[in-house]
Amino acid sequence: MASKFKVGQRVRQILPAPQEGVVKMLKFDETTGNLSVLFDMVSTDADGVETTIETVFLEDQVELVPEV
């Protein structure tokens, strides 16, 4: 199954306040037929401390971030 994403591309979750990060891995679930997109998201707290969070969404829940 072909994905619309490639490892290393920047994606964001499709929401009013999307999460954004860089694709680390694509995973096909043979049981459900779903393709998952694994990416790292950087979150900054009120003190300015950054934390990297590994996030997984289904392929249809994220979109490419336009290159500037």
C-alpha atoms as a PDB file:
ATOM      1  CA  MET A   1       0.000   0.000   0.000  1.00  0.00           C
ATOM      2  CA  ALA A   2       1.417   3.389  -0.962  1.00  0.00           C
ATOM      3  CA  SER A   3       1.375   6.268   1.513  1.00  0.00           C
ATOM      4  CA  LYS A   4       0.888   9.913   0.643  1.00  0.00           C
ATOM      5  CA  PHE A   5       3.730  10.678   3.099  1.00  0.00           C
ATOM      6  CA  LYS A   6       7.439   9.911   3.150  1.00  0.00           C
ATOM      7  CA  VAL A   7       9.730   9.480   6.161  1.00  0.00           C
ATOM      8  CA  GLY A   8      11.312  12.881   6.916  1.00  0.00           C
ATOM      9  CA  GLN A   9       8.365  14.987   5.660  1.00  0.00           C
ATOM     10  CA  ARG A  10       6.770  17.489   8.054  1.00  0.00           C
ATOM     11  CA  VAL A  11       3.075  16.795   8.821  1.00  0.00           C
ATOM     12  CA  ARG A  12       0.390  18.189  11.116  1.00  0.00           C
ATOM     13  CA  GLN A  13      -2.779  16.808  12.609  1.00  0.00           C
ATOM     14  CA  ILE A  14      -5.945  18.029  10.903  1.00  0.00           C
ATOM     15  CA  LEU A  15      -7.614  20.038  13.712  1.00  0.00           C
ATOM     16  CA  PRO A  16      -8.287  23.678  14.621  1.00  0.00           C
ATOM     17  CA  ALA A  17      -5.124  23.604  16.822  1.00  0.00           C
ATOM     18  CA  PRO A  18      -3.006  20.934  15.090  1.00  0.00           C
ATOM     19  CA  GLN A  19      -0.039  19.076  16.480  1.00  0.00           C
ATOM     20  CA  GLU A  20       2.971  19.251  14.167  1.00  0.00           C
ATOM     21  CA  GLY A  21       6.168  17.240  13.768  1.00  0.00           C
ATOM     22  CA  VAL A  22       8.450  15.274  11.432  1.00  0.00           C
ATOM     23  CA  VAL A  23       7.483  11.781  10.213  1.00  0.00           C
ATOM     24  CA  LYS A  24       9.656   9.077  11.795  1.00  0.00           C
ATOM     25  CA  MET A  25       7.871   5.946  10.611  1.00  0.00           C
ATOM     26  CA  LEU A  26       4.867   4.679   8.659  1.00  0.00           C
ATOM     27  CA  LYS A  27       3.176   1.505   9.923  1.00  0.00           C
ATOM     28  CA  PHE A  28       0.596  -0.642   8.136  1.00  0.00           C
ATOM     29  CA  ASP A  29      -1.825  -2.598  10.359  1.00  0.00           C
ATOM     30  CA  GLU A  30      -2.684  -5.823   8.524  1.00  0.00           C
ATOM     31  CA  THR A  31      -5.690  -6.453  10.795  1.00  0.00           C
ATOM     32  CA  THR A  32      -7.481  -3.136  10.183  1.00  0.00           C
ATOM     33  CA  GLY A  33      -5.865  -2.102   6.880  1.00  0.00           C
ATOM     34  CA  ASN A  34      -5.004   1.289   8.413  1.00  0.00           C
ATOM     35  CA  LEU A  35      -1.745   3.144   7.845  1.00  0.00           C
ATOM     36  CA  SER A  36      -0.379   4.989  10.892  1.00  0.00           C
ATOM     37  CA  VAL A  37       2.029   7.936  10.838  1.00  0.00           C
ATOM     38  CA  LEU A  38       4.505   8.170  13.753  1.00  0.00           C
ATOM     39  CA  PHE A  39       6.101  11.570  14.349  1.00  0.00           C
ATOM     40  CA  ASP A  40       7.895  13.573  17.038  1.00  0.00           C
ATOM     41  CA  MET A  41       6.139  16.681  18.318  1.00  0.00           C
ATOM     42  CA  VAL A  42       7.955  19.332  20.374  1.00  0.00           C
ATOM     43  CA  SER A  43       5.901  20.852  23.201  1.00  0.00           C
ATOM     44  CA  THR A  44       7.032  23.969  25.118  1.00  0.00           C
ATOM     45  CA  ASP A  45       5.736  24.558  28.652  1.00  0.00           C
ATOM     46  CA  ALA A  46       5.117  27.919  30.382  1.00  0.00           C
ATOM     47  CA  ASP A  47       8.773  28.043  31.537  1.00  0.00           C
ATOM     48  CA  GLY A  48      10.049  27.604  27.977  1.00  0.00           C
ATOM     49  CA  VAL A  49      11.197  24.012  28.556  1.00  0.00           C
ATOM     50  CA  GLU A  50      10.844  21.884  25.417  1.00  0.00           C
ATOM     51  CA  THR A  51       9.756  18.245  25.575  1.00  0.00           C
ATOM     52  CA  THR A  52       9.681  15.860  22.600  1.00  0.00           C
ATOM     53  CA  ILE A  53       6.569  13.685  22.479  1.00  0.00           C
ATOM     54  CA  GLU A  54       6.222  10.706  20.136  1.00  0.00           C
ATOM     55  CA  THR A  55       2.777  10.858  18.508  1.00  0.00           C
ATOM     56  CA  VAL A  56       0.845   8.427  16.282  1.00  0.00           C
ATOM     57  CA  PHE A  57      -2.152   9.246  14.075  1.00  0.00           C
ATOM     58  CA  LEU A  58      -3.939   7.496  11.243  1.00  0.00           C
ATOM     59  CA  GLU A  59      -2.841   8.712   7.817  1.00  0.00           C
ATOM     60  CA  ASP A  60      -6.155  10.485   7.130  1.00  0.00           C
ATOM     61  CA  GLN A  61      -5.830  12.505  10.372  1.00  0.00           C
ATOM     62  CA  VAL A  62      -2.700  14.407   9.256  1.00  0.00           C
ATOM     63  CA  GLU A  63      -1.719  16.565   6.302  1.00  0.00           C
ATOM     64  CA  LEU A  64       1.551  17.855   4.837  1.00  0.00           C
ATOM     65  CA  VAL A  65       2.825  21.162   6.197  1.00  0.00           C
ATOM     66  CA  PRO A  66       3.447  23.544   3.261  1.00  0.00           C
ATOM     67  CA  GLU A  67       7.116  24.401   2.758  1.00  0.00           C
ATOM     68  CA  VAL A  68       7.838  28.077   3.240  1.00  0.00           C
END
